[in-house]
Every structure is written in C-alpha cells, then in structure tokens.
C-alpha cells in the first residue's frame, strides 16, 4: 500500500491515464508501454526516491492486471412504467 502523499498522487495520475487509454481503445501492450514510460520519467526526473517509484510500479502493475479496473460501466437506465389512471 502506498502511503506517501506525492507517490499516491503520481499513482492516481498514472492509473487514471491507463483507464482513459483503455476507454479510447488502446490495447494492453500500449497501456503497459505507457506505464513503463511514465515510470522511466519518474526515475529520470528523480521526483521520488527510487524505492517509492519501485513500490508505485508494483501497485500500478497490480492495477493493470486486474480486469475489473477496465470494465466498461454503463449508466443504469430506468425503464418507464405505464401508469394507468
């Protein structure tokens, strides 16, 4: 579990982007490449300590492997009821 505020923010940004890519029709490999690039940028910029980036990567990969995170959710439609008076 992530506990550092800045690490959590980066994780949320990454997972939100992954879900958006999925909604736009990207394949698993494309999302994985995006995640790898995001992690590489975090390492390159050194905005987080290495162990925090590694933990973020583990959590993001766990998120990516869970199919329930990428299920399409449709709003529940209410059927009209016929009221006879």
PDB file of N, CA and C in Angstrom:
ATOM      1  N   UNK A   1       0.831  -1.167   0.000  1.00  0.00           N
ATOM      2  CA  UNK A   1       0.000   0.000   0.000  1.00  0.00           C
ATOM      3  C   UNK A   1       0.887   1.245   0.000  1.00  0.00           C
ATOM      4  N   UNK A   2       0.501   2.197  -0.823  1.00  0.00           N
ATOM      5  CA  UNK A   2       1.237   3.450  -0.892  1.00  0.00           C
ATOM      6  C   UNK A   2       0.806   4.357   0.250  1.00  0.00           C
ATOM      7  N   UNK A   3       1.771   5.043   0.856  1.00  0.00           N
ATOM      8  CA  UNK A   3       1.432   5.887   1.992  1.00  0.00           C
ATOM      9  C   UNK A   3       1.919   7.322   1.850  1.00  0.00           C
ATOM     10  N   UNK A   4       2.860   7.565   0.983  1.00  0.00           N
ATOM     11  CA  UNK A   4       3.400   8.902   0.776  1.00  0.00           C
ATOM     12  C   UNK A   4       2.452   9.690  -0.132  1.00  0.00           C
ATOM     13  N   UNK A   5       2.109  10.913   0.264  1.00  0.00           N
ATOM     14  CA  UNK A   5       1.144  11.717  -0.496  1.00  0.00           C
ATOM     15  C   UNK A   5       1.554  11.948  -1.946  1.00  0.00           C
ATOM     16  N   UNK A   6       2.803  12.293  -2.171  1.00  0.00           N
ATOM     17  CA  UNK A   6       3.228  12.564  -3.545  1.00  0.00           C
ATOM     18  C   UNK A   6       3.236  11.277  -4.383  1.00  0.00           C
ATOM     19  N   UNK A   7       3.596  10.166  -3.785  1.00  0.00           N
ATOM     20  CA  UNK A   7       3.564   8.893  -4.505  1.00  0.00           C
ATOM     21  C   UNK A   7       2.135   8.522  -4.866  1.00  0.00           C
ATOM     22  N   UNK A   8       1.229   8.752  -3.962  1.00  0.00           N
ATOM     23  CA  UNK A   8      -0.185   8.458  -4.224  1.00  0.00           C
ATOM     24  C   UNK A   8      -0.704   9.322  -5.364  1.00  0.00           C
ATOM     25  N   UNK A   9      -0.318  10.592  -5.389  1.00  0.00           N
ATOM     26  CA  UNK A   9      -0.752  11.476  -6.479  1.00  0.00           C
ATOM     27  C   UNK A   9      -0.247  10.992  -7.834  1.00  0.00           C
ATOM     28  N   UNK A  10       1.019  10.592  -7.896  1.00  0.00           N
ATOM     29  CA  UNK A  10       1.556  10.064  -9.160  1.00  0.00           C
ATOM     30  C   UNK A  10       0.857   8.767  -9.553  1.00  0.00           C
ATOM     31  N   UNK A  11       0.578   7.931  -8.585  1.00  0.00           N
ATOM     32  CA  UNK A  11      -0.135   6.675  -8.848  1.00  0.00           C
ATOM     33  C   UNK A  11      -1.528   6.965  -9.406  1.00  0.00           C
ATOM     34  N   UNK A  12      -2.238   7.907  -8.804  1.00  0.00           N
ATOM     35  CA  UNK A  12      -3.578   8.249  -9.274  1.00  0.00           C
ATOM     36  C   UNK A  12      -3.554   8.803 -10.690  1.00  0.00           C
ATOM     37  N   UNK A  13      -2.580   9.648 -10.967  1.00  0.00           N
ATOM     38  CA  UNK A  13      -2.458  10.193 -12.327  1.00  0.00           C
ATOM     39  C   UNK A  13      -2.197   9.079 -13.328  1.00  0.00           C
ATOM     40  N   UNK A  14      -1.316   8.170 -12.958  1.00  0.00           N
ATOM     41  CA  UNK A  14      -0.974   7.064 -13.854  1.00  0.00           C
ATOM     42  C   UNK A  14      -2.175   6.159 -14.088  1.00  0.00           C
ATOM     43  N   UNK A  15      -2.850   5.742 -13.029  1.00  0.00           N
ATOM     44  CA  UNK A  15      -3.976   4.826 -13.206  1.00  0.00           C
ATOM     45  C   UNK A  15      -5.148   5.495 -13.918  1.00  0.00           C
ATOM     46  N   UNK A  16      -5.375   6.770 -13.667  1.00  0.00           N
ATOM     47  CA  UNK A  16      -6.415   7.486 -14.409  1.00  0.00           C
ATOM     48  C   UNK A  16      -6.098   7.511 -15.901  1.00  0.00           C
ATOM     49  N   UNK A  17      -4.846   7.756 -16.236  1.00  0.00           N
ATOM     50  CA  UNK A  17      -4.437   7.775 -17.638  1.00  0.00           C
ATOM     51  C   UNK A  17      -4.564   6.385 -18.262  1.00  0.00           C
ATOM     52  N   UNK A  18      -4.257   5.347 -17.501  1.00  0.00           N
ATOM     53  CA  UNK A  18      -4.374   3.981 -18.018  1.00  0.00           C
ATOM     54  C   UNK A  18      -5.827   3.643 -18.345  1.00  0.00           C
ATOM     55  N   UNK A  19      -6.731   4.034 -17.464  1.00  0.00           N
ATOM     56  CA  UNK A  19      -8.158   3.785 -17.707  1.00  0.00           C
ATOM     57  C   UNK A  19      -8.633   4.590 -18.910  1.00  0.00           C
ATOM     58  N   UNK A  20      -8.176   5.817 -19.036  1.00  0.00           N
ATOM     59  CA  UNK A  20      -8.562   6.652 -20.184  1.00  0.00           C
ATOM     60  C   UNK A  20      -8.046   6.048 -21.495  1.00  0.00           C
ATOM     61  N   UNK A  21      -6.832   5.549 -21.482  1.00  0.00           N
ATOM     62  CA  UNK A  21      -6.302   4.890 -22.674  1.00  0.00           C
ATOM     63  C   UNK A  21      -7.156   3.679 -23.039  1.00  0.00           C
ATOM     64  N   UNK A  22      -7.572   2.919 -22.042  1.00  0.00           N
ATOM     65  CA  UNK A  22      -8.421   1.752 -22.294  1.00  0.00           C
ATOM     66  C   UNK A  22      -9.758   2.179 -22.901  1.00  0.00           C
ATOM     67  N   UNK A  23     -10.340   3.239 -22.355  1.00  0.00           N
ATOM     68  CA  UNK A  23     -11.631   3.724 -22.870  1.00  0.00           C
ATOM     69  C   UNK A  23     -11.511   4.206 -24.309  1.00  0.00           C
ATOM     70  N   UNK A  24     -10.337   4.681 -24.673  1.00  0.00           N
ATOM     71  CA  UNK A  24     -10.116   5.153 -26.044  1.00  0.00           C
ATOM     72  C   UNK A  24      -9.744   4.026 -27.000  1.00  0.00           C
ATOM     73  N   UNK A  25      -9.673   2.798 -26.472  1.00  0.00           N
ATOM     74  CA  UNK A  25      -9.451   1.649 -27.349  1.00  0.00           C
ATOM     75  C   UNK A  25      -8.024   1.148 -27.414  1.00  0.00           C
ATOM     76  N   UNK A  26      -7.165   1.607 -26.534  1.00  0.00           N
ATOM     77  CA  UNK A  26      -5.781   1.126 -26.547  1.00  0.00           C
ATOM     78  C   UNK A  26      -5.720  -0.317 -26.064  1.00  0.00           C
ATOM     79  N   UNK A  27      -4.757  -1.039 -26.578  1.00  0.00           N
ATOM     80  CA  UNK A  27      -4.563  -2.433 -26.181  1.00  0.00           C
ATOM     81  C   UNK A  27      -3.731  -2.500 -24.908  1.00  0.00           C
ATOM     82  N   UNK A  28      -3.732  -3.686 -24.317  1.00  0.00           N
ATOM     83  CA  UNK A  28      -2.969  -3.930 -23.088  1.00  0.00           C
ATOM     84  C   UNK A  28      -1.499  -3.550 -23.285  1.00  0.00           C
ATOM     85  N   UNK A  29      -0.910  -3.928 -24.405  1.00  0.00           N
ATOM     86  CA  UNK A  29       0.508  -3.648 -24.652  1.00  0.00           C
ATOM     87  C   UNK A  29       0.783  -2.151 -24.706  1.00  0.00           C
ATOM     88  N   UNK A  30      -0.138  -1.411 -25.295  1.00  0.00           N
ATOM     89  CA  UNK A  30       0.021   0.042 -25.370  1.00  0.00           C
ATOM     90  C   UNK A  30      -0.039   0.678 -23.981  1.00  0.00           C
ATOM     91  N   UNK A  31      -0.966   0.185 -23.171  1.00  0.00           N
ATOM     92  CA  UNK A  31      -1.096   0.711 -21.809  1.00  0.00           C
ATOM     93  C   UNK A  31       0.145   0.357 -20.999  1.00  0.00           C
ATOM     94  N   UNK A  32       0.652  -0.843 -21.190  1.00  0.00           N
ATOM     95  CA  UNK A  32       1.866  -1.268 -20.482  1.00  0.00           C
ATOM     96  C   UNK A  32       3.056  -0.397 -20.906  1.00  0.00           C
ATOM     97  N   UNK A  33       3.161  -0.099 -22.188  1.00  0.00           N
ATOM     98  CA  UNK A  33       4.234   0.776 -22.664  1.00  0.00           C
ATOM     99  C   UNK A  33       4.106   2.177 -22.070  1.00  0.00           C
ATOM    100  N   UNK A  34       2.887   2.680 -21.981  1.00  0.00           N
ATOM    101  CA  UNK A  34       2.661   3.983 -21.360  1.00  0.00           C
ATOM    102  C   UNK A  34       3.128   3.958 -19.909  1.00  0.00           C
ATOM    103  N   UNK A  35       2.755   2.899 -19.192  1.00  0.00           N
ATOM    104  CA  UNK A  35       3.134   2.773 -17.793  1.00  0.00           C
ATOM    105  C   UNK A  35       4.657   2.718 -17.656  1.00  0.00           C
ATOM    106  N   UNK A  36       5.304   1.943 -18.506  1.00  0.00           N
ATOM    107  CA  UNK A  36       6.765   1.850 -18.460  1.00  0.00           C
ATOM    108  C   UNK A  36       7.420   3.206 -18.713  1.00  0.00           C
ATOM    109  N   UNK A  37       6.883   3.957 -19.662  1.00  0.00           N
ATOM    110  CA  UNK A  37       7.410   5.284 -19.951  1.00  0.00           C
ATOM    111  C   UNK A  37       7.203   6.249 -18.800  1.00  0.00           C
ATOM    112  N   UNK A  38       6.055   6.162 -18.171  1.00  0.00           N
ATOM    113  CA  UNK A  38       5.749   7.011 -17.020  1.00  0.00           C
ATOM    114  C   UNK A  38       6.727   6.724 -15.885  1.00  0.00           C
ATOM    115  N   UNK A  39       6.944   5.445 -15.620  1.00  0.00           N
ATOM    116  CA  UNK A  39       7.877   5.050 -14.557  1.00  0.00           C
ATOM    117  C   UNK A  39       9.294   5.508 -14.901  1.00  0.00           C
ATOM    118  N   UNK A  40       9.680   5.364 -16.162  1.00  0.00           N
ATOM    119  CA  UNK A  40      11.016   5.800 -16.591  1.00  0.00           C
ATOM    120  C   UNK A  40      11.186   7.303 -16.384  1.00  0.00           C
ATOM    121  N   UNK A  41      10.138   8.071 -16.661  1.00  0.00           N
ATOM    122  CA  UNK A  41      10.206   9.524 -16.452  1.00  0.00           C
ATOM    123  C   UNK A  41      10.354   9.864 -14.972  1.00  0.00           C
ATOM    124  N   UNK A  42       9.666   9.118 -14.128  1.00  0.00           N
ATOM    125  CA  UNK A  42       9.812   9.352 -12.691  1.00  0.00           C
ATOM    126  C   UNK A  42      11.246   9.090 -12.240  1.00  0.00           C
ATOM    127  N   UNK A  43      11.847   8.024 -12.770  1.00  0.00           N
ATOM    128  CA  UNK A  43      13.247   7.730 -12.440  1.00  0.00           C
ATOM    129  C   UNK A  43      14.167   8.835 -12.963  1.00  0.00           C
ATOM    130  N   UNK A  44      13.926   9.269 -14.194  1.00  0.00           N
ATOM    131  CA  UNK A  44      14.785  10.253 -14.843  1.00  0.00           C
ATOM    132  C   UNK A  44      14.740  11.603 -14.133  1.00  0.00           C
ATOM    133  N   UNK A  45      13.552  12.010 -13.738  1.00  0.00           N
ATOM    134  CA  UNK A  45      13.410  13.324 -13.110  1.00  0.00           C
ATOM    135  C   UNK A  45      13.736  13.308 -11.625  1.00  0.00           C
ATOM    136  N   UNK A  46      13.764  12.121 -11.035  1.00  0.00           N
ATOM    137  CA  UNK A  46      14.092  11.950  -9.614  1.00  0.00           C
ATOM    138  C   UNK A  46      13.155  12.748  -8.708  1.00  0.00           C
ATOM    139  N   UNK A  47      11.879  12.774  -9.082  1.00  0.00           N
ATOM    140  CA  UNK A  47      10.898  13.470  -8.255  1.00  0.00           C
ATOM    141  C   UNK A  47      10.550  12.673  -7.007  1.00  0.00           C
ATOM    142  N   UNK A  48      10.781  11.368  -7.061  1.00  0.00           N
ATOM    143  CA  UNK A  48      10.558  10.484  -5.925  1.00  0.00           C
ATOM    144  C   UNK A  48      11.814   9.659  -5.693  1.00  0.00           C
ATOM    145  N   UNK A  49      11.946   9.167  -4.493  1.00  0.00           N
ATOM    146  CA  UNK A  49      13.058   8.277  -4.202  1.00  0.00           C
ATOM    147  C   UNK A  49      12.833   6.945  -4.922  1.00  0.00           C
ATOM    148  N   UNK A  50      13.905   6.262  -5.246  1.00  0.00           N
ATOM    149  CA  UNK A  50      13.834   5.038  -6.052  1.00  0.00           C
ATOM    150  C   UNK A  50      12.924   3.975  -5.447  1.00  0.00           C
ATOM    151  N   UNK A  51      12.999   3.784  -4.139  1.00  0.00           N
ATOM    152  CA  UNK A  51      12.172   2.746  -3.532  1.00  0.00           C
ATOM    153  C   UNK A  51      10.691   3.089  -3.617  1.00  0.00           C
ATOM    154  N   UNK A  52      10.343   4.382  -3.601  1.00  0.00           N
ATOM    155  CA  UNK A  52       8.949   4.794  -3.744  1.00  0.00           C
ATOM    156  C   UNK A  52       8.467   4.567  -5.174  1.00  0.00           C
ATOM    157  N   UNK A  53       9.331   4.828  -6.135  1.00  0.00           N
ATOM    158  CA  UNK A  53       8.987   4.585  -7.537  1.00  0.00           C
ATOM    159  C   UNK A  53       8.791   3.092  -7.765  1.00  0.00           C
ATOM    160  N   UNK A  54       9.658   2.279  -7.179  1.00  0.00           N
ATOM    161  CA  UNK A  54       9.533   0.833  -7.327  1.00  0.00           C
ATOM    162  C   UNK A  54       8.208   0.341  -6.742  1.00  0.00           C
ATOM    163  N   UNK A  55       7.834   0.876  -5.590  1.00  0.00           N
ATOM    164  CA  UNK A  55       6.568   0.491  -4.965  1.00  0.00           C
ATOM    165  C   UNK A  55       5.380   0.954  -5.809  1.00  0.00           C
ATOM    166  N   UNK A  56       5.472   2.153  -6.354  1.00  0.00           N
ATOM    167  CA  UNK A  56       4.427   2.668  -7.247  1.00  0.00           C
ATOM    168  C   UNK A  56       4.292   1.772  -8.467  1.00  0.00           C
ATOM    169  N   UNK A  57       5.409   1.337  -9.016  1.00  0.00           N
ATOM    170  CA  UNK A  57       5.397   0.458 -10.180  1.00  0.00           C
ATOM    171  C   UNK A  57       4.713  -0.871  -9.855  1.00  0.00           C
ATOM    172  N   UNK A  58       5.002  -1.434  -8.701  1.00  0.00           N
ATOM    173  CA  UNK A  58       4.361  -2.689  -8.296  1.00  0.00           C
ATOM    174  C   UNK A  58       2.849  -2.521  -8.193  1.00  0.00           C
ATOM    175  N   UNK A  59       2.429  -1.427  -7.574  1.00  0.00           N
ATOM    176  CA  UNK A  59       0.996  -1.176  -7.412  1.00  0.00           C
ATOM    177  C   UNK A  59       0.325  -0.913  -8.759  1.00  0.00           C
ATOM    178  N   UNK A  60       0.980  -0.180  -9.636  1.00  0.00           N
ATOM    179  CA  UNK A  60       0.416   0.114 -10.952  1.00  0.00           C
ATOM    180  C   UNK A  60       0.306  -1.161 -11.794  1.00  0.00           C
ATOM    181  N   UNK A  61       1.288  -2.033 -11.690  1.00  0.00           N
ATOM    182  CA  UNK A  61       1.228  -3.292 -12.429  1.00  0.00           C
ATOM    183  C   UNK A  61       0.103  -4.170 -11.889  1.00  0.00           C
ATOM    184  N   UNK A  62      -0.084  -4.159 -10.584  1.00  0.00           N
ATOM    185  CA  UNK A  62      -1.200  -4.898  -9.973  1.00  0.00           C
ATOM    186  C   UNK A  62      -2.527  -4.328 -10.484  1.00  0.00           C
ATOM    187  N   UNK A  63      -2.613  -3.007 -10.582  1.00  0.00           N
ATOM    188  CA  UNK A  63      -3.810  -2.348 -11.111  1.00  0.00           C
ATOM    189  C   UNK A  63      -4.063  -2.775 -12.556  1.00  0.00           C
ATOM    190  N   UNK A  64      -3.000  -2.826 -13.343  1.00  0.00           N
ATOM    191  CA  UNK A  64      -3.115  -3.186 -14.756  1.00  0.00           C
ATOM    192  C   UNK A  64      -3.580  -4.632 -14.938  1.00  0.00           C
ATOM    193  N   UNK A  65      -3.144  -5.519 -14.078  1.00  0.00           N
ATOM    194  CA  UNK A  65      -3.518  -6.936 -14.194  1.00  0.00           C
ATOM    195  C   UNK A  65      -4.943  -7.219 -13.745  1.00  0.00           C
ATOM    196  N   UNK A  66      -5.553  -6.314 -13.013  1.00  0.00           N
ATOM    197  CA  UNK A  66      -6.904  -6.539 -12.505  1.00  0.00           C
ATOM    198  C   UNK A  66      -7.933  -6.110 -13.556  1.00  0.00           C
ATOM    199  N   UNK A  67      -8.615  -7.062 -14.181  1.00  0.00           N
ATOM    200  CA  UNK A  67      -9.556  -6.708 -15.251  1.00  0.00           C
ATOM    201  C   UNK A  67     -10.740  -5.863 -14.787  1.00  0.00           C
ATOM    202  N   UNK A  68     -11.068  -5.913 -13.508  1.00  0.00           N
ATOM    203  CA  UNK A  68     -12.209  -5.132 -13.029  1.00  0.00           C
ATOM    204  C   UNK A  68     -11.952  -3.626 -13.127  1.00  0.00           C
ATOM    205  N   UNK A  69     -10.696  -3.217 -13.210  1.00  0.00           N
ATOM    206  CA  UNK A  69     -10.389  -1.792 -13.347  1.00  0.00           C
ATOM    207  C   UNK A  69     -10.681  -1.259 -14.744  1.00  0.00           C
ATOM    208  N   UNK A  70     -10.889  -2.166 -15.686  1.00  0.00           N
ATOM    209  CA  UNK A  70     -11.081  -1.741 -17.073  1.00  0.00           C
ATOM    210  C   UNK A  70     -12.430  -2.178 -17.641  1.00  0.00           C
ATOM    211  N   UNK A  71     -13.351  -2.531 -16.765  1.00  0.00           N
ATOM    212  CA  UNK A  71     -14.681  -2.885 -17.225  1.00  0.00           C
ATOM    213  C   UNK A  71     -15.416  -1.619 -17.616  1.00  0.00           C
ATOM    214  N   UNK A  72     -16.144  -1.732 -18.690  1.00  0.00           N
ATOM    215  CA  UNK A  72     -16.950  -0.587 -19.104  1.00  0.00           C
ATOM    216  C   UNK A  72     -18.169  -0.515 -18.210  1.00  0.00           C
ATOM    217  N   UNK A  73     -18.381   0.624 -17.665  1.00  0.00           N
ATOM    218  CA  UNK A  73     -19.569   0.790 -16.826  1.00  0.00           C
ATOM    219  C   UNK A  73     -20.555   1.673 -17.568  1.00  0.00           C
ATOM    220  N   UNK A  74     -21.731   1.167 -17.713  1.00  0.00           N
ATOM    221  CA  UNK A  74     -22.787   1.913 -18.382  1.00  0.00           C
ATOM    222  C   UNK A  74     -23.760   2.417 -17.332  1.00  0.00           C
ATOM    223  N   UNK A  75     -24.245   3.617 -17.512  1.00  0.00           N
ATOM    224  CA  UNK A  75     -25.204   4.122 -16.530  1.00  0.00           C
ATOM    225  C   UNK A  75     -26.477   3.276 -16.547  1.00  0.00           C
ATOM    226  N   UNK A  76     -27.012   3.057 -15.392  1.00  0.00           N
ATOM    227  CA  UNK A  76     -28.236   2.269 -15.297  1.00  0.00           C
ATOM    228  C   UNK A  76     -29.379   3.102 -15.866  1.00  0.00           C
ATOM    229  N   UNK A  77     -30.080   2.524 -16.807  1.00  0.00           N
ATOM    230  CA  UNK A  77     -31.224   3.229 -17.374  1.00  0.00           C
ATOM    231  C   UNK A  77     -32.480   2.735 -16.686  1.00  0.00           C
ATOM    232  N   UNK A  78     -33.331   3.649 -16.449  1.00  0.00           N
ATOM    233  CA  UNK A  78     -34.573   3.309 -15.791  1.00  0.00           C
ATOM    234  C   UNK A  78     -35.637   3.132 -16.853  1.00  0.00           C
ATOM    235  N   UNK A  79     -36.370   2.062 -16.768  1.00  0.00           N
ATOM    236  CA  UNK A  79     -37.441   1.852 -17.727  1.00  0.00           C
ATOM    237  C   UNK A  79     -38.655   2.623 -17.286  1.00  0.00           C
ATOM    238  N   UNK A  80     -39.374   3.098 -18.273  1.00  0.00           N
ATOM    239  CA  UNK A  80     -40.572   3.852 -17.951  1.00  0.00           C
ATOM    240  C   UNK A  80     -41.682   2.892 -17.545  1.00  0.00           C
ATOM    241  N   UNK A  81     -42.409   3.291 -16.584  1.00  0.00           N
ATOM    242  CA  UNK A  81     -43.561   2.473 -16.177  1.00  0.00           C
ATOM    243  C   UNK A  81     -44.826   3.168 -16.635  1.00  0.00           C
ATOM    244  N   UNK A  82     -45.761   2.386 -17.042  1.00  0.00           N
ATOM    245  CA  UNK A  82     -47.017   2.919 -17.549  1.00  0.00           C
ATOM    246  C   UNK A  82     -47.999   2.992 -16.395  1.00  0.00           C
ATOM    247  N   UNK A  83     -48.366   4.193 -16.061  1.00  0.00           N
ATOM    248  CA  UNK A  83     -49.344   4.381 -15.012  1.00  0.00           C
ATOM    249  C   UNK A  83     -50.699   4.638 -15.661  1.00  0.00           C
ATOM    250  N   UNK A  84     -51.608   3.780 -15.439  1.00  0.00           N
ATOM    251  CA  UNK A  84     -52.966   3.969 -15.961  1.00  0.00           C
ATOM    252  C   UNK A  84     -53.857   4.514 -14.858  1.00  0.00           C
ATOM    253  N   UNK A  85     -54.556   5.532 -15.179  1.00  0.00           N
ATOM    254  CA  UNK A  85     -55.463   6.133 -14.203  1.00  0.00           C
ATOM    255  C   UNK A  85     -56.880   5.857 -14.580  1.00  0.00           C
TER     256      UNK A  85
END
